Amino acid sequence: MSMLAAAVDGYTIYAQQISNVTPEAPPGSEQIMKLVRWLMWFVLLMGITGIIWAGGKFAWERYNGGPLESPKIVIGALVGGIIATSAGTIMNAVILNS
């Protein structure tokens, strides 16, 4: 049993050291981060475009008296924008706090 207790104590010491790890970007990751920033900009641009499109479609639907489908577009653009802009926060919460 003493070997088992020593192994558990050693494991506890290693586990305490591992819990203090902070993420660090690898060398050369600046190009990948640049691509991620471009993709984020594109997603935000598409969200803004979607909301503008939905506003015009809403006006057209109201003018013609047709069924209202534009609120779904607005909700989709807003939910997509919220998820896209908070992706880093979501990943940090899931990965670092698990």
PDB file of N, CA and C in Angstrom:
ATOM      1  N   MET A   1       0.810  -1.201   0.000  1.00  0.00           N
ATOM      2  CA  MET A   1       0.000   0.000   0.000  1.00  0.00           C
ATOM      3  C   MET A   1       0.853   1.264   0.000  1.00  0.00           C
ATOM      4  N   SER A   2       2.038   1.193   0.529  1.00  0.00           N
ATOM      5  CA  SER A   2       2.864   2.394   0.588  1.00  0.00           C
ATOM      6  C   SER A   2       3.272   2.844  -0.814  1.00  0.00           C
ATOM      7  N   MET A   3       3.458   1.905  -1.754  1.00  0.00           N
ATOM      8  CA  MET A   3       3.786   2.304  -3.125  1.00  0.00           C
ATOM      9  C   MET A   3       2.592   2.981  -3.786  1.00  0.00           C
ATOM     10  N   LEU A   4       1.405   2.495  -3.483  1.00  0.00           N
ATOM     11  CA  LEU A   4       0.198   3.104  -4.024  1.00  0.00           C
ATOM     12  C   LEU A   4       0.008   4.510  -3.473  1.00  0.00           C
ATOM     13  N   ALA A   5       0.250   4.679  -2.189  1.00  0.00           N
ATOM     14  CA  ALA A   5       0.131   6.007  -1.581  1.00  0.00           C
ATOM     15  C   ALA A   5       1.163   6.956  -2.161  1.00  0.00           C
ATOM     16  N   ALA A   6       2.367   6.480  -2.409  1.00  0.00           N
ATOM     17  CA  ALA A   6       3.414   7.320  -3.003  1.00  0.00           C
ATOM     18  C   ALA A   6       3.033   7.708  -4.433  1.00  0.00           C
ATOM     19  N   ALA A   7       2.455   6.753  -5.163  1.00  0.00           N
ATOM     20  CA  ALA A   7       2.040   7.055  -6.539  1.00  0.00           C
ATOM     21  C   ALA A   7       0.921   8.090  -6.555  1.00  0.00           C
ATOM     22  N   VAL A   8      -0.026   7.980  -5.629  1.00  0.00           N
ATOM     23  CA  VAL A   8      -1.121   8.949  -5.553  1.00  0.00           C
ATOM     24  C   VAL A   8      -0.587  10.320  -5.169  1.00  0.00           C
ATOM     25  N   ASP A   9       0.349  10.370  -4.241  1.00  0.00           N
ATOM     26  CA  ASP A   9       0.949  11.654  -3.854  1.00  0.00           C
ATOM     27  C   ASP A   9       1.705  12.272  -5.030  1.00  0.00           C
ATOM     28  N   GLY A  10       2.433  11.447  -5.762  1.00  0.00           N
ATOM     29  CA  GLY A  10       3.155  11.954  -6.930  1.00  0.00           C
ATOM     30  C   GLY A  10       2.202  12.459  -7.993  1.00  0.00           C
ATOM     31  N   TYR A  11       1.114  11.735  -8.211  1.00  0.00           N
ATOM     32  CA  TYR A  11       0.115  12.155  -9.178  1.00  0.00           C
ATOM     33  C   TYR A  11      -0.524  13.479  -8.764  1.00  0.00           C
ATOM     34  N   THR A  12      -0.786  13.642  -7.478  1.00  0.00           N
ATOM     35  CA  THR A  12      -1.378  14.882  -6.970  1.00  0.00           C
ATOM     36  C   THR A  12      -0.452  16.061  -7.217  1.00  0.00           C
ATOM     37  N   ILE A  13       0.837  15.870  -7.012  1.00  0.00           N
ATOM     38  CA  ILE A  13       1.805  16.948  -7.246  1.00  0.00           C
ATOM     39  C   ILE A  13       1.826  17.322  -8.720  1.00  0.00           C
ATOM     40  N   TYR A  14       1.848  16.321  -9.618  1.00  0.00           N
ATOM     41  CA  TYR A  14       1.843  16.606 -11.050  1.00  0.00           C
ATOM     42  C   TYR A  14       0.546  17.277 -11.483  1.00  0.00           C
ATOM     43  N   ALA A  15      -0.576  16.847 -10.945  1.00  0.00           N
ATOM     44  CA  ALA A  15      -1.868  17.439 -11.293  1.00  0.00           C
ATOM     45  C   ALA A  15      -1.934  18.898 -10.867  1.00  0.00           C
ATOM     46  N   GLN A  16      -1.335  19.231  -9.742  1.00  0.00           N
ATOM     47  CA  GLN A  16      -1.325  20.626  -9.291  1.00  0.00           C
ATOM     48  C   GLN A  16      -0.482  21.481 -10.227  1.00  0.00           C
ATOM     49  N   GLN A  17       0.591  20.934 -10.742  1.00  0.00           N
ATOM     50  CA  GLN A  17       1.432  21.690 -11.668  1.00  0.00           C
ATOM     51  C   GLN A  17       0.752  21.858 -13.020  1.00  0.00           C
ATOM     52  N   ILE A  18       0.013  20.869 -13.459  1.00  0.00           N
ATOM     53  CA  ILE A  18      -0.651  20.946 -14.753  1.00  0.00           C
ATOM     54  C   ILE A  18      -1.795  21.954 -14.725  1.00  0.00           C
ATOM     55  N   SER A  19      -2.453  22.144 -13.608  1.00  0.00           N
ATOM     56  CA  SER A  19      -3.602  23.039 -13.553  1.00  0.00           C
ATOM     57  C   SER A  19      -3.230  24.502 -13.748  1.00  0.00           C
ATOM     58  N   ASN A  20      -1.954  24.846 -13.686  1.00  0.00           N
ATOM     59  CA  ASN A  20      -1.530  26.232 -13.853  1.00  0.00           C
ATOM     60  C   ASN A  20      -1.064  26.533 -15.279  1.00  0.00           C
ATOM     61  N   VAL A  21      -1.462  25.727 -16.250  1.00  0.00           N
ATOM     62  CA  VAL A  21      -1.046  25.908 -17.630  1.00  0.00           C
ATOM     63  C   VAL A  21      -1.878  27.020 -18.261  1.00  0.00           C
ATOM     64  N   THR A  22      -1.210  27.898 -18.979  1.00  0.00           N
ATOM     65  CA  THR A  22      -1.911  28.941 -19.726  1.00  0.00           C
ATOM     66  C   THR A  22      -1.641  28.730 -21.210  1.00  0.00           C
ATOM     67  N   PRO A  23      -2.637  28.933 -22.065  1.00  0.00           N
ATOM     68  CA  PRO A  23      -2.431  28.725 -23.497  1.00  0.00           C
ATOM     69  C   PRO A  23      -1.477  29.759 -24.082  1.00  0.00           C
ATOM     70  N   GLU A  24      -0.676  29.315 -25.021  1.00  0.00           N
ATOM     71  CA  GLU A  24       0.277  30.199 -25.683  1.00  0.00           C
ATOM     72  C   GLU A  24       0.236  29.910 -27.172  1.00  0.00           C
ATOM     73  N   ALA A  25       0.217  30.944 -27.965  1.00  0.00           N
ATOM     74  CA  ALA A  25       0.169  30.771 -29.419  1.00  0.00           C
ATOM     75  C   ALA A  25       1.491  30.194 -29.918  1.00  0.00           C
ATOM     76  N   PRO A  26       1.439  29.240 -30.845  1.00  0.00           N
ATOM     77  CA  PRO A  26       2.674  28.673 -31.383  1.00  0.00           C
ATOM     78  C   PRO A  26       3.373  29.669 -32.302  1.00  0.00           C
ATOM     79  N   PRO A  27       4.643  29.447 -32.561  1.00  0.00           N
ATOM     80  CA  PRO A  27       5.355  30.347 -33.476  1.00  0.00           C
ATOM     81  C   PRO A  27       4.718  30.334 -34.861  1.00  0.00           C
ATOM     82  N   GLY A  28       4.629  31.481 -35.472  1.00  0.00           N
ATOM     83  CA  GLY A  28       4.050  31.586 -36.807  1.00  0.00           C
ATOM     84  C   GLY A  28       2.530  31.587 -36.841  1.00  0.00           C
ATOM     85  N   SER A  29       1.891  31.719 -35.703  1.00  0.00           N
ATOM     86  CA  SER A  29       0.427  31.669 -35.682  1.00  0.00           C
ATOM     87  C   SER A  29      -0.213  33.011 -36.035  1.00  0.00           C
ATOM     88  N   GLU A  30       0.590  34.018 -36.262  1.00  0.00           N
ATOM     89  CA  GLU A  30       0.034  35.336 -36.582  1.00  0.00           C
ATOM     90  C   GLU A  30      -0.751  35.296 -37.895  1.00  0.00           C
ATOM     91  N   GLN A  31      -0.288  34.510 -38.868  1.00  0.00           N
ATOM     92  CA  GLN A  31      -1.007  34.405 -40.139  1.00  0.00           C
ATOM     93  C   GLN A  31      -2.368  33.732 -39.953  1.00  0.00           C
ATOM     94  N   ILE A  32      -2.419  32.718 -39.090  1.00  0.00           N
ATOM     95  CA  ILE A  32      -3.699  32.054 -38.811  1.00  0.00           C
ATOM     96  C   ILE A  32      -4.638  33.016 -38.101  1.00  0.00           C
ATOM     97  N   MET A  33      -4.121  33.781 -37.147  1.00  0.00           N
ATOM     98  CA  MET A  33      -4.958  34.748 -36.440  1.00  0.00           C
ATOM     99  C   MET A  33      -5.457  35.835 -37.390  1.00  0.00           C
ATOM    100  N   LYS A  34      -4.627  36.203 -38.369  1.00  0.00           N
ATOM    101  CA  LYS A  34      -5.057  37.177 -39.368  1.00  0.00           C
ATOM    102  C   LYS A  34      -6.231  36.617 -40.178  1.00  0.00           C
ATOM    103  N   LEU A  35      -6.153  35.346 -40.556  1.00  0.00           N
ATOM    104  CA  LEU A  35      -7.237  34.702 -41.280  1.00  0.00           C
ATOM    105  C   LEU A  35      -8.501  34.636 -40.426  1.00  0.00           C
ATOM    106  N   VAL A  36      -8.360  34.339 -39.144  1.00  0.00           N
ATOM    107  CA  VAL A  36      -9.513  34.285 -38.242  1.00  0.00           C
ATOM    108  C   VAL A  36     -10.164  35.663 -38.128  1.00  0.00           C
ATOM    109  N   ARG A  37      -9.343  36.709 -38.031  1.00  0.00           N
ATOM    110  CA  ARG A  37      -9.899  38.071 -37.964  1.00  0.00           C
ATOM    111  C   ARG A  37     -10.631  38.428 -39.248  1.00  0.00           C
ATOM    112  N   TRP A  38     -10.095  38.012 -40.394  1.00  0.00           N
ATOM    113  CA  TRP A  38     -10.777  38.265 -41.666  1.00  0.00           C
ATOM    114  C   TRP A  38     -12.098  37.519 -41.714  1.00  0.00           C
ATOM    115  N   LEU A  39     -12.104  36.279 -41.276  1.00  0.00           N
ATOM    116  CA  LEU A  39     -13.350  35.507 -41.267  1.00  0.00           C
ATOM    117  C   LEU A  39     -14.372  36.133 -40.329  1.00  0.00           C
ATOM    118  N   MET A  40     -13.924  36.622 -39.177  1.00  0.00           N
ATOM    119  CA  MET A  40     -14.828  37.286 -38.241  1.00  0.00           C
ATOM    120  C   MET A  40     -15.416  38.544 -38.870  1.00  0.00           C
ATOM    121  N   TRP A  41     -14.592  39.300 -39.574  1.00  0.00           N
ATOM    122  CA  TRP A  41     -15.075  40.496 -40.258  1.00  0.00           C
ATOM    123  C   TRP A  41     -16.109  40.118 -41.307  1.00  0.00           C
ATOM    124  N   PHE A  42     -15.854  39.046 -42.068  1.00  0.00           N
ATOM    125  CA  PHE A  42     -16.785  38.601 -43.093  1.00  0.00           C
ATOM    126  C   PHE A  42     -18.109  38.157 -42.478  1.00  0.00           C
ATOM    127  N   VAL A  43     -18.054  37.439 -41.369  1.00  0.00           N
ATOM    128  CA  VAL A  43     -19.278  36.996 -40.689  1.00  0.00           C
ATOM    129  C   VAL A  43     -20.086  38.200 -40.213  1.00  0.00           C
ATOM    130  N   LEU A  44     -19.419  39.185 -39.626  1.00  0.00           N
ATOM    131  CA  LEU A  44     -20.121  40.387 -39.178  1.00  0.00           C
ATOM    132  C   LEU A  44     -20.718  41.150 -40.361  1.00  0.00           C
ATOM    133  N   LEU A  45     -19.991  41.228 -41.457  1.00  0.00           N
ATOM    134  CA  LEU A  45     -20.511  41.888 -42.651  1.00  0.00           C
ATOM    135  C   LEU A  45     -21.755  41.172 -43.169  1.00  0.00           C
ATOM    136  N   MET A  46     -21.725  39.844 -43.183  1.00  0.00           N
ATOM    137  CA  MET A  46     -22.890  39.084 -43.636  1.00  0.00           C
ATOM    138  C   MET A  46     -24.079  39.256 -42.683  1.00  0.00           C
ATOM    139  N   GLY A  47     -23.805  39.367 -41.377  1.00  0.00           N
ATOM    140  CA  GLY A  47     -24.885  39.603 -40.421  1.00  0.00           C
ATOM    141  C   GLY A  47     -25.542  40.955 -40.642  1.00  0.00           C
ATOM    142  N   ILE A  48     -24.731  41.971 -40.860  1.00  0.00           N
ATOM    143  CA  ILE A  48     -25.272  43.311 -41.120  1.00  0.00           C
ATOM    144  C   ILE A  48     -26.064  43.319 -42.428  1.00  0.00           C
ATOM    145  N   THR A  49     -25.513  42.653 -43.446  1.00  0.00           N
ATOM    146  CA  THR A  49     -26.205  42.566 -44.728  1.00  0.00           C
ATOM    147  C   THR A  49     -27.530  41.821 -44.588  1.00  0.00           C
ATOM    148  N   GLY A  50     -27.533  40.758 -43.789  1.00  0.00           N
ATOM    149  CA  GLY A  50     -28.760  40.004 -43.568  1.00  0.00           C
ATOM    150  C   GLY A  50     -29.835  40.823 -42.889  1.00  0.00           C
ATOM    151  N   ILE A  51     -29.442  41.624 -41.919  1.00  0.00           N
ATOM    152  CA  ILE A  51     -30.414  42.468 -41.225  1.00  0.00           C
ATOM    153  C   ILE A  51     -30.955  43.549 -42.164  1.00  0.00           C
ATOM    154  N   ILE A  52     -30.088  44.136 -42.974  1.00  0.00           N
ATOM    155  CA  ILE A  52     -30.552  45.134 -43.948  1.00  0.00           C
ATOM    156  C   ILE A  52     -31.496  44.485 -44.959  1.00  0.00           C
ATOM    157  N   TRP A  53     -31.128  43.304 -45.463  1.00  0.00           N
ATOM    158  CA  TRP A  53     -31.981  42.576 -46.407  1.00  0.00           C
ATOM    159  C   TRP A  53     -33.343  42.274 -45.778  1.00  0.00           C
ATOM    160  N   ALA A  54     -33.320  41.816 -44.536  1.00  0.00           N
ATOM    161  CA  ALA A  54     -34.578  41.482 -43.859  1.00  0.00           C
ATOM    162  C   ALA A  54     -35.442  42.725 -43.665  1.00  0.00           C
ATOM    163  N   GLY A  55     -34.818  43.872 -43.389  1.00  0.00           N
ATOM    164  CA  GLY A  55     -35.591  45.110 -43.258  1.00  0.00           C
ATOM    165  C   GLY A  55     -36.279  45.484 -44.556  1.00  0.00           C
ATOM    166  N   GLY A  56     -35.558  45.382 -45.671  1.00  0.00           N
ATOM    167  CA  GLY A  56     -36.164  45.662 -46.974  1.00  0.00           C
ATOM    168  C   GLY A  56     -37.240  44.656 -47.320  1.00  0.00           C
ATOM    169  N   LYS A  57     -36.989  43.394 -47.019  1.00  0.00           N
ATOM    170  CA  LYS A  57     -37.982  42.346 -47.292  1.00  0.00           C
ATOM    171  C   LYS A  57     -39.224  42.543 -46.429  1.00  0.00           C
ATOM    172  N   PHE A  58     -39.017  42.947 -45.173  1.00  0.00           N
ATOM    173  CA  PHE A  58     -40.145  43.208 -44.283  1.00  0.00           C
ATOM    174  C   PHE A  58     -41.020  44.329 -44.849  1.00  0.00           C
ATOM    175  N   ALA A  59     -40.377  45.399 -45.323  1.00  0.00           N
ATOM    176  CA  ALA A  59     -41.144  46.505 -45.909  1.00  0.00           C
ATOM    177  C   ALA A  59     -41.905  46.029 -47.143  1.00  0.00           C
ATOM    178  N   TRP A  60     -41.278  45.207 -47.981  1.00  0.00           N
ATOM    179  CA  TRP A  60     -41.933  44.701 -49.175  1.00  0.00           C
ATOM    180  C   TRP A  60     -43.111  43.789 -48.827  1.00  0.00           C
ATOM    181  N   GLU A  61     -42.910  42.928 -47.827  1.00  0.00           N
ATOM    182  CA  GLU A  61     -43.992  42.027 -47.409  1.00  0.00           C
ATOM    183  C   GLU A  61     -45.171  42.805 -46.825  1.00  0.00           C
ATOM    184  N   ARG A  62     -44.878  43.823 -46.053  1.00  0.00           N
ATOM    185  CA  ARG A  62     -45.955  44.633 -45.476  1.00  0.00           C
ATOM    186  C   ARG A  62     -46.688  45.417 -46.568  1.00  0.00           C
ATOM    187  N   TYR A  63     -45.971  45.918 -47.547  1.00  0.00           N
ATOM    188  CA  TYR A  63     -46.577  46.690 -48.637  1.00  0.00           C
ATOM    189  C   TYR A  63     -47.491  45.815 -49.487  1.00  0.00           C
ATOM    190  N   ASN A  64     -47.047  44.593 -49.770  1.00  0.00           N
ATOM    191  CA  ASN A  64     -47.831  43.687 -50.615  1.00  0.00           C
ATOM    192  C   ASN A  64     -48.832  42.859 -49.833  1.00  0.00           C
ATOM    193  N   GLY A  65     -48.769  42.867 -48.528  1.00  0.00           N
ATOM    194  CA  GLY A  65     -49.712  42.104 -47.721  1.00  0.00           C
ATOM    195  C   GLY A  65     -49.447  40.606 -47.719  1.00  0.00           C
ATOM    196  N   GLY A  66     -48.240  40.197 -48.054  1.00  0.00           N
ATOM    197  CA  GLY A  66     -47.907  38.777 -48.084  1.00  0.00           C
ATOM    198  C   GLY A  66     -47.550  38.255 -46.698  1.00  0.00           C
ATOM    199  N   PRO A  67     -47.234  36.965 -46.609  1.00  0.00           N
ATOM    200  CA  PRO A  67     -46.845  36.386 -45.318  1.00  0.00           C
ATOM    201  C   PRO A  67     -45.496  36.952 -44.854  1.00  0.00           C
ATOM    202  N   LEU A  68     -45.387  37.140 -43.564  1.00  0.00           N
ATOM    203  CA  LEU A  68     -44.155  37.710 -43.014  1.00  0.00           C
ATOM    204  C   LEU A  68     -43.129  36.601 -42.755  1.00  0.00           C
ATOM    205  N   GLU A  69     -42.076  36.594 -43.545  1.00  0.00           N
ATOM    206  CA  GLU A  69     -40.981  35.659 -43.353  1.00  0.00           C
ATOM    207  C   GLU A  69     -39.709  36.358 -42.899  1.00  0.00           C
ATOM    208  N   SER A  70     -39.670  37.667 -43.000  1.00  0.00           N
ATOM    209  CA  SER A  70     -38.456  38.406 -42.681  1.00  0.00           C
ATOM    210  C   SER A  70     -38.066  38.368 -41.203  1.00  0.00           C
ATOM    211  N   PRO A  71     -38.988  38.269 -40.239  1.00  0.00           N
ATOM    212  CA  PRO A  71     -38.521  38.190 -38.849  1.00  0.00           C
ATOM    213  C   PRO A  71     -37.610  36.993 -38.593  1.00  0.00           C
ATOM    214  N   LYS A  72     -37.807  35.873 -39.314  1.00  0.00           N
ATOM    215  CA  LYS A  72     -36.922  34.724 -39.172  1.00  0.00           C
ATOM    216  C   LYS A  72     -35.507  35.066 -39.632  1.00  0.00           C
ATOM    217  N   ILE A  73     -35.397  35.872 -40.677  1.00  0.00           N
ATOM    218  CA  ILE A  73     -34.090  36.278 -41.182  1.00  0.00           C
ATOM    219  C   ILE A  73     -33.383  37.149 -40.146  1.00  0.00           C
ATOM    220  N   VAL A  74     -34.116  38.081 -39.558  1.00  0.00           N
ATOM    221  CA  VAL A  74     -33.530  38.956 -38.546  1.00  0.00           C
ATOM    222  C   VAL A  74     -33.064  38.144 -37.343  1.00  0.00           C
ATOM    223  N   ILE A  75     -33.895  37.239 -36.864  1.00  0.00           N
ATOM    224  CA  ILE A  75     -33.528  36.424 -35.701  1.00  0.00           C
ATOM    225  C   ILE A  75     -32.322  35.552 -36.028  1.00  0.00           C
ATOM    226  N   GLY A  76     -32.298  34.964 -37.219  1.00  0.00           N
ATOM    227  CA  GLY A  76     -31.156  34.146 -37.628  1.00  0.00           C
ATOM    228  C   GLY A  76     -29.871  34.949 -37.693  1.00  0.00           C
ATOM    229  N   ALA A  77     -29.945  36.162 -38.243  1.00  0.00           N
ATOM    230  CA  ALA A  77     -28.754  37.011 -38.332  1.00  0.00           C
ATOM    231  C   ALA A  77     -28.277  37.425 -36.943  1.00  0.00           C
ATOM    232  N   LEU A  78     -29.213  37.748 -36.060  1.00  0.00           N
ATOM    233  CA  LEU A  78     -28.820  38.159 -34.707  1.00  0.00           C
ATOM    234  C   LEU A  78     -28.218  37.005 -33.910  1.00  0.00           C
ATOM    235  N   VAL A  79     -28.838  35.832 -33.986  1.00  0.00           N
ATOM    236  CA  VAL A  79     -28.298  34.677 -33.257  1.00  0.00           C
ATOM    237  C   VAL A  79     -26.937  34.292 -33.820  1.00  0.00           C
ATOM    238  N   GLY A  80     -26.799  34.283 -35.136  1.00  0.00           N
ATOM    239  CA  GLY A  80     -25.505  33.977 -35.747  1.00  0.00           C
ATOM    240  C   GLY A  80     -24.440  34.980 -35.355  1.00  0.00           C
ATOM    241  N   GLY A  81     -24.788  36.251 -35.313  1.00  0.00           N
ATOM    242  CA  GLY A  81     -23.835  37.277 -34.899  1.00  0.00           C
ATOM    243  C   GLY A  81     -23.422  37.145 -33.454  1.00  0.00           C
ATOM    244  N   ILE A  82     -24.379  36.819 -32.587  1.00  0.00           N
ATOM    245  CA  ILE A  82     -24.057  36.642 -31.167  1.00  0.00           C
ATOM    246  C   ILE A  82     -23.108  35.465 -30.986  1.00  0.00           C
ATOM    247  N   ILE A  83     -23.385  34.367 -31.656  1.00  0.00           N
ATOM    248  CA  ILE A  83     -22.513  33.194 -31.532  1.00  0.00           C
ATOM    249  C   ILE A  83     -21.136  33.483 -32.122  1.00  0.00           C
ATOM    250  N   ALA A  84     -21.093  34.143 -33.277  1.00  0.00           N
ATOM    251  CA  ALA A  84     -19.808  34.418 -33.926  1.00  0.00           C
ATOM    252  C   ALA A  84     -18.943  35.373 -33.104  1.00  0.00           C
ATOM    253  N   THR A  85     -19.550  36.418 -32.549  1.00  0.00           N
ATOM    254  CA  THR A  85     -18.748  37.382 -31.800  1.00  0.00           C
ATOM    255  C   THR A  85     -18.350  36.876 -30.424  1.00  0.00           C
ATOM    256  N   SER A  86     -19.064  35.894 -29.904  1.00  0.00           N
ATOM    257  CA  SER A  86     -18.706  35.369 -28.588  1.00  0.00           C
ATOM    258  C   SER A  86     -18.037  34.002 -28.682  1.00  0.00           C
ATOM    259  N   ALA A  87     -17.549  33.627 -29.863  1.00  0.00           N
ATOM    260  CA  ALA A  87     -16.935  32.308 -30.035  1.00  0.00           C
ATOM    261  C   ALA A  87     -15.715  32.131 -29.141  1.00  0.00           C
ATOM    262  N   GLY A  88     -14.869  33.148 -29.032  1.00  0.00           N
ATOM    263  CA  GLY A  88     -13.691  33.045 -28.173  1.00  0.00           C
ATOM    264  C   GLY A  88     -14.060  32.868 -26.716  1.00  0.00           C
ATOM    265  N   THR A  89     -15.053  33.608 -26.263  1.00  0.00           N
ATOM    266  CA  THR A  89     -15.505  33.491 -24.882  1.00  0.00           C
ATOM    267  C   THR A  89     -16.112  32.121 -24.614  1.00  0.00           C
ATOM    268  N   ILE A  90     -16.892  31.617 -25.565  1.00  0.00           N
ATOM    269  CA  ILE A  90     -17.489  30.297 -25.404  1.00  0.00           C
ATOM    270  C   ILE A  90     -16.406  29.231 -25.321  1.00  0.00           C
ATOM    271  N   MET A  91     -15.424  29.294 -26.213  1.00  0.00           N
ATOM    272  CA  MET A  91     -14.348  28.285 -26.207  1.00  0.00           C
ATOM    273  C   MET A  91     -13.523  28.366 -24.923  1.00  0.00           C
ATOM    274  N   ASN A  92     -13.242  29.564 -24.448  1.00  0.00           N
ATOM    275  CA  ASN A  92     -12.506  29.689 -23.184  1.00  0.00           C
ATOM    276  C   ASN A  92     -13.303  29.110 -22.021  1.00  0.00           C
ATOM    277  N   ALA A  93     -14.600  29.340 -22.014  1.00  0.00           N
ATOM    278  CA  ALA A  93     -15.434  28.806 -20.936  1.00  0.00           C
ATOM    279  C   ALA A  93     -15.503  27.284 -20.983  1.00  0.00           C
ATOM    280  N   VAL A  94     -15.591  26.727 -22.172  1.00  0.00           N
ATOM    281  CA  VAL A  94     -15.705  25.277 -22.299  1.00  0.00           C
ATOM    282  C   VAL A  94     -14.374  24.586 -22.055  1.00  0.00           C
ATOM    283  N   ILE A  95     -13.315  25.096 -22.653  1.00  0.00           N
ATOM    284  CA  ILE A  95     -12.018  24.393 -22.599  1.00  0.00           C
ATOM    285  C   ILE A  95     -11.267  24.689 -21.309  1.00  0.00           C
ATOM    286  N   LEU A  96     -11.146  25.941 -20.948  1.00  0.00           N
ATOM    287  CA  LEU A  96     -10.290  26.299 -19.804  1.00  0.00           C
ATOM    288  C   LEU A  96     -10.962  26.046 -18.460  1.00  0.00           C
ATOM    289  N   ASN A  97     -12.288  26.036 -18.410  1.00  0.00           N
ATOM    290  CA  ASN A  97     -12.972  25.839 -17.135  1.00  0.00           C
ATOM    291  C   ASN A  97     -13.500  24.427 -16.947  1.00  0.00           C
ATOM    292  N   SER A  98     -13.086  23.511 -17.809  1.00  0.00           N
ATOM    293  CA  SER A  98     -13.583  22.136 -17.654  1.00  0.00           C
ATOM    294  C   SER A  98     -12.691  21.328 -16.741  1.00  0.00           C
TER     295      SER A  98
END
